[in-house]
Amino acid sequence: MNYSWKIARLGLDDELNNDGVLLENSIVQIHYKRIAADDDGTTSSYVGTCYFSAKSKSASDFIALNDVTNVIALTWLEESLGAEQINKIDTALAAKVAKKRVRLVKPGW
């Protein structure tokens, strides 16, 4: 089974950090899709949202929106979810893919 991420949207907000510095366009949400695909092309997906806050970030550690890459956003997403939650999502997706493989036929009688 192959798994991949797609970031659909980012939620932005201006936040004051703990030092009272305004962090403009701070990413406070990542709307994502986790996609599972097996070798025969059967796919399934899971859609979710992770929430973030930059309040504890110093101005020097803050990454401006224009400097955020897909790799950085995916790192934040995976760290936020954690290995256990990602495993739960992947297990559910694998079950959905297996269920899709079942062929239903109408009996001829």
N, C-alpha and C. Protein backbone atom coordinates (compact mmCIF):
# COMPACT_ATOMS: atom_id res chain seq x y z
N MET A 1 0.85 -1.17 0.00
CA MET A 1 0.00 0.00 0.00
C MET A 1 0.90 1.24 0.00
N ASN A 2 0.56 2.19 -0.82
CA ASN A 2 1.30 3.45 -0.88
C ASN A 2 0.43 4.56 -0.30
N TYR A 3 1.04 5.37 0.55
CA TYR A 3 0.32 6.47 1.20
C TYR A 3 0.96 7.79 0.81
N SER A 4 0.11 8.80 0.63
CA SER A 4 0.62 10.13 0.31
C SER A 4 -0.26 11.19 0.97
N TRP A 5 0.28 12.40 1.04
CA TRP A 5 -0.43 13.55 1.61
C TRP A 5 -0.75 14.55 0.52
N LYS A 6 -1.85 15.24 0.67
CA LYS A 6 -2.17 16.40 -0.16
C LYS A 6 -2.67 17.49 0.78
N ILE A 7 -2.00 18.63 0.74
CA ILE A 7 -2.47 19.75 1.55
C ILE A 7 -3.46 20.54 0.70
N ALA A 8 -4.70 20.61 1.19
CA ALA A 8 -5.76 21.26 0.43
C ALA A 8 -5.78 22.77 0.64
N ARG A 9 -5.68 23.17 1.91
CA ARG A 9 -5.77 24.60 2.24
C ARG A 9 -5.01 24.86 3.52
N LEU A 10 -4.63 26.12 3.68
CA LEU A 10 -4.01 26.58 4.93
C LEU A 10 -4.92 27.63 5.54
N GLY A 11 -5.12 27.55 6.84
CA GLY A 11 -5.85 28.59 7.56
C GLY A 11 -4.86 29.57 8.16
N LEU A 12 -5.08 30.85 7.94
CA LEU A 12 -4.14 31.89 8.39
C LEU A 12 -4.81 32.81 9.40
N ASP A 13 -3.98 33.35 10.30
CA ASP A 13 -4.44 34.33 11.27
C ASP A 13 -3.23 35.14 11.72
N ASP A 14 -3.47 36.38 12.12
CA ASP A 14 -2.42 37.19 12.72
C ASP A 14 -2.43 36.88 14.21
N GLU A 15 -1.29 36.47 14.76
CA GLU A 15 -1.20 36.09 16.17
C GLU A 15 -0.15 36.93 16.89
N LEU A 16 -0.44 37.23 18.13
CA LEU A 16 0.57 37.84 19.01
C LEU A 16 1.30 36.70 19.70
N ASN A 17 2.63 36.72 19.62
CA ASN A 17 3.37 35.68 20.34
C ASN A 17 3.49 36.06 21.81
N ASN A 18 4.09 35.20 22.58
CA ASN A 18 4.21 35.43 24.03
C ASN A 18 5.05 36.66 24.38
N ASP A 19 5.83 37.16 23.41
CA ASP A 19 6.63 38.37 23.62
C ASP A 19 5.88 39.63 23.18
N GLY A 20 4.64 39.46 22.70
CA GLY A 20 3.85 40.60 22.25
C GLY A 20 4.15 41.05 20.84
N VAL A 21 4.87 40.23 20.06
CA VAL A 21 5.20 40.55 18.68
C VAL A 21 4.11 39.97 17.77
N LEU A 22 3.61 40.77 16.83
CA LEU A 22 2.59 40.32 15.90
C LEU A 22 3.22 39.45 14.82
N LEU A 23 2.73 38.24 14.70
CA LEU A 23 3.19 37.30 13.68
C LEU A 23 2.09 37.24 12.61
N GLU A 24 2.32 37.95 11.52
CA GLU A 24 1.30 38.07 10.48
C GLU A 24 1.21 36.81 9.63
N ASN A 25 -0.02 36.48 9.24
CA ASN A 25 -0.29 35.31 8.39
C ASN A 25 0.29 34.03 8.97
N SER A 26 0.11 33.86 10.24
CA SER A 26 0.54 32.63 10.90
C SER A 26 -0.37 31.48 10.44
N ILE A 27 0.21 30.34 10.13
CA ILE A 27 -0.59 29.17 9.74
C ILE A 27 -1.18 28.57 11.02
N VAL A 28 -2.50 28.59 11.09
CA VAL A 28 -3.19 28.08 12.28
C VAL A 28 -3.99 26.81 11.97
N GLN A 29 -4.13 26.48 10.70
CA GLN A 29 -4.83 25.26 10.29
C GLN A 29 -4.18 24.69 9.03
N ILE A 30 -4.14 23.38 8.96
CA ILE A 30 -3.78 22.70 7.72
C ILE A 30 -4.91 21.72 7.44
N HIS A 31 -5.59 21.94 6.31
CA HIS A 31 -6.62 21.03 5.83
C HIS A 31 -5.92 20.06 4.88
N TYR A 32 -6.03 18.77 5.15
CA TYR A 32 -5.24 17.80 4.42
C TYR A 32 -6.07 16.61 3.97
N LYS A 33 -5.48 15.85 3.05
CA LYS A 33 -6.05 14.58 2.61
C LYS A 33 -4.93 13.55 2.66
N ARG A 34 -5.21 12.40 3.26
CA ARG A 34 -4.28 11.27 3.27
C ARG A 34 -4.85 10.28 2.25
N ILE A 35 -4.03 9.87 1.31
CA ILE A 35 -4.48 9.01 0.22
C ILE A 35 -3.74 7.68 0.28
N ALA A 36 -4.51 6.58 0.16
CA ALA A 36 -3.94 5.24 0.11
C ALA A 36 -4.23 4.68 -1.28
N ALA A 37 -3.22 4.05 -1.87
CA ALA A 37 -3.39 3.42 -3.18
C ALA A 37 -2.63 2.10 -3.18
N ASP A 38 -3.30 1.05 -3.67
CA ASP A 38 -2.58 -0.21 -3.77
C ASP A 38 -2.08 -0.41 -5.19
N ASP A 39 -1.41 -1.52 -5.43
CA ASP A 39 -0.75 -1.72 -6.72
C ASP A 39 -1.72 -1.89 -7.89
N ASP A 40 -2.97 -2.28 -7.60
CA ASP A 40 -3.93 -2.43 -8.70
C ASP A 40 -4.72 -1.14 -8.98
N GLY A 41 -4.36 -0.06 -8.27
CA GLY A 41 -4.99 1.24 -8.54
C GLY A 41 -6.19 1.56 -7.67
N THR A 42 -6.56 0.68 -6.76
CA THR A 42 -7.67 0.96 -5.86
C THR A 42 -7.21 1.99 -4.84
N THR A 43 -8.02 3.03 -4.64
CA THR A 43 -7.64 4.11 -3.74
C THR A 43 -8.74 4.41 -2.73
N SER A 44 -8.32 5.08 -1.68
CA SER A 44 -9.24 5.60 -0.67
C SER A 44 -8.57 6.80 -0.04
N SER A 45 -9.37 7.67 0.57
CA SER A 45 -8.77 8.86 1.17
C SER A 45 -9.44 9.22 2.48
N TYR A 46 -8.72 9.99 3.26
CA TYR A 46 -9.17 10.49 4.56
C TYR A 46 -8.90 11.98 4.56
N VAL A 47 -9.89 12.77 4.97
CA VAL A 47 -9.76 14.22 5.00
C VAL A 47 -9.78 14.67 6.45
N GLY A 48 -8.89 15.60 6.79
CA GLY A 48 -8.83 16.08 8.16
C GLY A 48 -8.26 17.49 8.24
N THR A 49 -8.23 18.01 9.46
CA THR A 49 -7.70 19.34 9.74
C THR A 49 -6.86 19.27 11.00
N CYS A 50 -5.68 19.88 10.97
CA CYS A 50 -4.84 20.05 12.16
C CYS A 50 -4.80 21.52 12.51
N TYR A 51 -4.73 21.79 13.80
CA TYR A 51 -4.73 23.17 14.30
C TYR A 51 -3.39 23.49 14.94
N PHE A 52 -2.93 24.72 14.75
CA PHE A 52 -1.63 25.15 15.22
C PHE A 52 -1.74 26.52 15.86
N SER A 53 -0.69 26.87 16.59
CA SER A 53 -0.56 28.22 17.13
C SER A 53 0.91 28.57 17.14
N ALA A 54 1.19 29.81 16.80
CA ALA A 54 2.58 30.29 16.80
C ALA A 54 2.86 31.15 18.01
N LYS A 55 1.95 31.18 18.97
CA LYS A 55 2.11 32.06 20.13
C LYS A 55 3.40 31.81 20.89
N SER A 56 3.86 30.57 20.91
CA SER A 56 5.08 30.27 21.66
C SER A 56 6.35 30.45 20.81
N LYS A 57 6.20 30.83 19.54
CA LYS A 57 7.35 31.04 18.66
C LYS A 57 7.91 32.44 18.84
N SER A 58 9.21 32.53 18.92
CA SER A 58 9.82 33.86 18.93
C SER A 58 9.78 34.40 17.50
N ALA A 59 9.91 35.70 17.37
CA ALA A 59 9.89 36.30 16.03
C ALA A 59 11.01 35.74 15.16
N SER A 60 12.15 35.42 15.75
CA SER A 60 13.28 34.89 14.97
C SER A 60 13.05 33.44 14.52
N ASP A 61 12.22 32.68 15.23
CA ASP A 61 11.93 31.29 14.86
C ASP A 61 10.71 31.17 13.96
N PHE A 62 9.93 32.23 13.84
CA PHE A 62 8.72 32.21 13.04
C PHE A 62 9.07 32.11 11.56
N ILE A 63 8.39 31.22 10.83
CA ILE A 63 8.60 31.07 9.39
C ILE A 63 7.47 31.80 8.68
N ALA A 64 7.81 32.82 7.92
CA ALA A 64 6.82 33.62 7.20
C ALA A 64 6.11 32.75 6.15
N LEU A 65 4.87 33.10 5.89
CA LEU A 65 4.04 32.33 4.97
C LEU A 65 4.74 32.09 3.63
N ASN A 66 5.35 33.09 3.06
CA ASN A 66 6.01 32.94 1.76
C ASN A 66 7.22 32.03 1.80
N ASP A 67 7.73 31.74 3.00
CA ASP A 67 8.88 30.86 3.14
C ASP A 67 8.49 29.43 3.50
N VAL A 68 7.21 29.20 3.75
CA VAL A 68 6.74 27.85 4.08
C VAL A 68 6.64 27.04 2.80
N THR A 69 7.26 25.88 2.79
CA THR A 69 7.19 24.97 1.64
C THR A 69 6.27 23.81 1.97
N ASN A 70 5.96 23.03 0.96
CA ASN A 70 5.15 21.82 1.17
C ASN A 70 5.84 20.89 2.16
N VAL A 71 7.14 20.76 2.05
CA VAL A 71 7.91 19.88 2.96
C VAL A 71 7.79 20.36 4.40
N ILE A 72 7.91 21.66 4.62
CA ILE A 72 7.78 22.21 5.98
C ILE A 72 6.38 21.96 6.52
N ALA A 73 5.36 22.25 5.70
CA ALA A 73 3.97 22.06 6.15
C ALA A 73 3.68 20.59 6.45
N LEU A 74 4.20 19.68 5.63
CA LEU A 74 4.00 18.25 5.90
C LEU A 74 4.72 17.81 7.17
N THR A 75 5.88 18.37 7.44
CA THR A 75 6.59 18.07 8.68
C THR A 75 5.75 18.50 9.88
N TRP A 76 5.20 19.73 9.83
CA TRP A 76 4.34 20.20 10.91
C TRP A 76 3.12 19.30 11.07
N LEU A 77 2.52 18.91 9.95
CA LEU A 77 1.34 18.06 9.98
C LEU A 77 1.65 16.71 10.63
N GLU A 78 2.73 16.06 10.19
CA GLU A 78 3.08 14.75 10.73
C GLU A 78 3.46 14.83 12.21
N GLU A 79 4.15 15.91 12.60
CA GLU A 79 4.50 16.08 14.01
C GLU A 79 3.24 16.31 14.85
N SER A 80 2.30 17.07 14.32
CA SER A 80 1.07 17.34 15.04
C SER A 80 0.23 16.07 15.22
N LEU A 81 0.11 15.29 14.15
CA LEU A 81 -0.70 14.06 14.23
C LEU A 81 -0.01 13.00 15.09
N GLY A 82 1.28 12.84 14.91
CA GLY A 82 2.02 11.80 15.61
C GLY A 82 1.90 10.45 14.92
N ALA A 83 2.85 9.59 15.17
CA ALA A 83 2.92 8.29 14.51
C ALA A 83 1.70 7.42 14.81
N GLU A 84 1.20 7.48 16.03
CA GLU A 84 0.06 6.64 16.40
C GLU A 84 -1.19 7.02 15.61
N GLN A 85 -1.46 8.32 15.49
CA GLN A 85 -2.64 8.77 14.75
C GLN A 85 -2.50 8.48 13.26
N ILE A 86 -1.29 8.69 12.71
CA ILE A 86 -1.07 8.38 11.30
C ILE A 86 -1.29 6.90 11.05
N ASN A 87 -0.83 6.05 11.96
CA ASN A 87 -1.03 4.61 11.83
C ASN A 87 -2.51 4.26 11.85
N LYS A 88 -3.29 4.91 12.71
CA LYS A 88 -4.74 4.68 12.77
C LYS A 88 -5.40 5.06 11.44
N ILE A 89 -5.01 6.20 10.90
CA ILE A 89 -5.55 6.64 9.61
C ILE A 89 -5.19 5.64 8.52
N ASP A 90 -3.92 5.22 8.48
CA ASP A 90 -3.48 4.28 7.46
C ASP A 90 -4.19 2.93 7.57
N THR A 91 -4.41 2.47 8.79
CA THR A 91 -5.13 1.21 9.00
C THR A 91 -6.56 1.31 8.48
N ALA A 92 -7.22 2.42 8.79
CA ALA A 92 -8.60 2.63 8.31
C ALA A 92 -8.62 2.72 6.78
N LEU A 93 -7.65 3.40 6.19
CA LEU A 93 -7.60 3.50 4.73
C LEU A 93 -7.36 2.14 4.08
N ALA A 94 -6.49 1.34 4.65
CA ALA A 94 -6.23 0.00 4.11
C ALA A 94 -7.50 -0.85 4.14
N ALA A 95 -8.28 -0.71 5.21
CA ALA A 95 -9.54 -1.45 5.30
C ALA A 95 -10.53 -0.97 4.24
N LYS A 96 -10.57 0.34 4.00
CA LYS A 96 -11.47 0.88 2.97
C LYS A 96 -11.06 0.40 1.58
N VAL A 97 -9.75 0.34 1.32
CA VAL A 97 -9.27 -0.15 0.03
C VAL A 97 -9.66 -1.61 -0.14
N ALA A 98 -9.47 -2.42 0.90
CA ALA A 98 -9.82 -3.84 0.84
C ALA A 98 -11.32 -4.02 0.58
N LYS A 99 -12.14 -3.20 1.21
CA LYS A 99 -13.59 -3.28 1.02
C LYS A 99 -13.98 -2.92 -0.41
N LYS A 100 -13.28 -1.97 -1.00
CA LYS A 100 -13.57 -1.57 -2.38
C LYS A 100 -13.24 -2.67 -3.38
N ARG A 101 -12.33 -3.56 -3.02
CA ARG A 101 -11.95 -4.64 -3.92
C ARG A 101 -13.03 -5.71 -4.06
N VAL A 102 -13.94 -5.77 -3.11
CA VAL A 102 -15.01 -6.76 -3.15
C VAL A 102 -15.95 -6.42 -4.30
N ARG A 103 -16.16 -7.37 -5.18
CA ARG A 103 -17.07 -7.15 -6.31
C ARG A 103 -18.46 -7.64 -5.94
N LEU A 104 -19.43 -6.83 -6.23
CA LEU A 104 -20.82 -7.20 -5.98
C LEU A 104 -21.47 -7.53 -7.32
N VAL A 105 -22.21 -8.62 -7.35
CA VAL A 105 -22.92 -9.01 -8.56
C VAL A 105 -24.37 -9.29 -8.21
N LYS A 106 -25.23 -9.03 -9.15
CA LYS A 106 -26.65 -9.32 -8.97
C LYS A 106 -26.88 -10.76 -9.44
N PRO A 107 -27.46 -11.57 -8.57
CA PRO A 107 -27.67 -12.95 -8.97
C PRO A 107 -28.64 -13.04 -10.15
N GLY A 108 -28.44 -14.04 -11.00
CA GLY A 108 -29.25 -14.19 -12.20
C GLY A 108 -30.58 -14.93 -11.96
N TRP A 109 -30.88 -15.26 -10.74
CA TRP A 109 -32.15 -15.96 -10.49
C TRP A 109 -33.23 -15.07 -10.02
